[in-house]
Amino acid sequence: MLRTITLGSCVSVQGIFVKDLADGRVAVKVDDTVFAGKPVIRKN
């Protein structure tokens, strides 16, 4: 499943969901790199 996270205030990363972290961040994988950041909340 694809997830989008934010790194800092301006950078967003979209990748394959890896896991939820204990501090509320989400880890996603892009190629061979794993990024962790705050999840982007979907607005309805």
C-alpha atoms as a PDB file:
ATOM      1  CA  MET A   1       0.000   0.000   0.000  1.00  0.00           C
ATOM      2  CA  LEU A   2       1.329   3.466  -0.868  1.00  0.00           C
ATOM      3  CA  ARG A   3       1.560   6.023   1.939  1.00  0.00           C
ATOM      4  CA  THR A   4       2.630   9.660   1.935  1.00  0.00           C
ATOM      5  CA  ILE A   5       4.658  11.170   4.768  1.00  0.00           C
ATOM      6  CA  THR A   6       6.184  14.577   5.455  1.00  0.00           C
ATOM      7  CA  LEU A   7       9.809  15.146   6.361  1.00  0.00           C
ATOM      8  CA  GLY A   8      10.179  18.573   7.896  1.00  0.00           C
ATOM      9  CA  SER A   9       7.808  21.300   6.717  1.00  0.00           C
ATOM     10  CA  CYS A  10       8.244  21.183   2.932  1.00  0.00           C
ATOM     11  CA  VAL A  11       9.353  17.707   1.834  1.00  0.00           C
ATOM     12  CA  SER A  12       6.871  14.901   1.159  1.00  0.00           C
ATOM     13  CA  VAL A  13       7.754  11.297   0.343  1.00  0.00           C
ATOM     14  CA  GLN A  14       5.445   8.665  -1.127  1.00  0.00           C
ATOM     15  CA  GLY A  15       6.430   5.014  -0.868  1.00  0.00           C
ATOM     16  CA  ILE A  16       5.484   1.494   0.134  1.00  0.00           C
ATOM     17  CA  PHE A  17       4.264   1.244   3.741  1.00  0.00           C
ATOM     18  CA  VAL A  18       6.758  -0.547   6.018  1.00  0.00           C
ATOM     19  CA  LYS A  19       5.474  -0.057   9.583  1.00  0.00           C
ATOM     20  CA  ASP A  20       3.950   2.276  12.161  1.00  0.00           C
ATOM     21  CA  LEU A  21       6.490   3.527  14.681  1.00  0.00           C
ATOM     22  CA  ALA A  22       5.826   3.900  18.415  1.00  0.00           C
ATOM     23  CA  ASP A  23       6.119   7.711  18.315  1.00  0.00           C
ATOM     24  CA  GLY A  24       3.328   8.119  15.740  1.00  0.00           C
ATOM     25  CA  ARG A  25       5.548   8.317  12.672  1.00  0.00           C
ATOM     26  CA  VAL A  26       5.241   5.971   9.694  1.00  0.00           C
ATOM     27  CA  ALA A  27       8.078   4.251   7.799  1.00  0.00           C
ATOM     28  CA  VAL A  28       7.905   3.952   4.003  1.00  0.00           C
ATOM     29  CA  LYS A  29      10.324   2.373   1.538  1.00  0.00           C
ATOM     30  CA  VAL A  30      11.438   4.015  -1.712  1.00  0.00           C
ATOM     31  CA  ASP A  31      13.746   1.773  -3.758  1.00  0.00           C
ATOM     32  CA  ASP A  32      16.262   0.586  -1.107  1.00  0.00           C
ATOM     33  CA  THR A  33      15.832   3.520   1.299  1.00  0.00           C
ATOM     34  CA  VAL A  34      13.445   3.641   4.260  1.00  0.00           C
ATOM     35  CA  PHE A  35      12.131   7.053   5.341  1.00  0.00           C
ATOM     36  CA  ALA A  36      10.270   7.838   8.567  1.00  0.00           C
ATOM     37  CA  GLY A  37       8.004  10.840   9.000  1.00  0.00           C
ATOM     38  CA  LYS A  38       4.578  12.108   9.975  1.00  0.00           C
ATOM     39  CA  PRO A  39       1.736  10.610   7.932  1.00  0.00           C
ATOM     40  CA  VAL A  40      -0.288  12.888   5.670  1.00  0.00           C
ATOM     41  CA  ILE A  41      -3.920  12.863   6.807  1.00  0.00           C
ATOM     42  CA  ARG A  42      -6.520  12.380   4.085  1.00  0.00           C
ATOM     43  CA  LYS A  43      -9.220  15.064   3.970  1.00  0.00           C
ATOM     44  CA  ASN A  44     -12.737  14.069   2.970  1.00  0.00           C
END
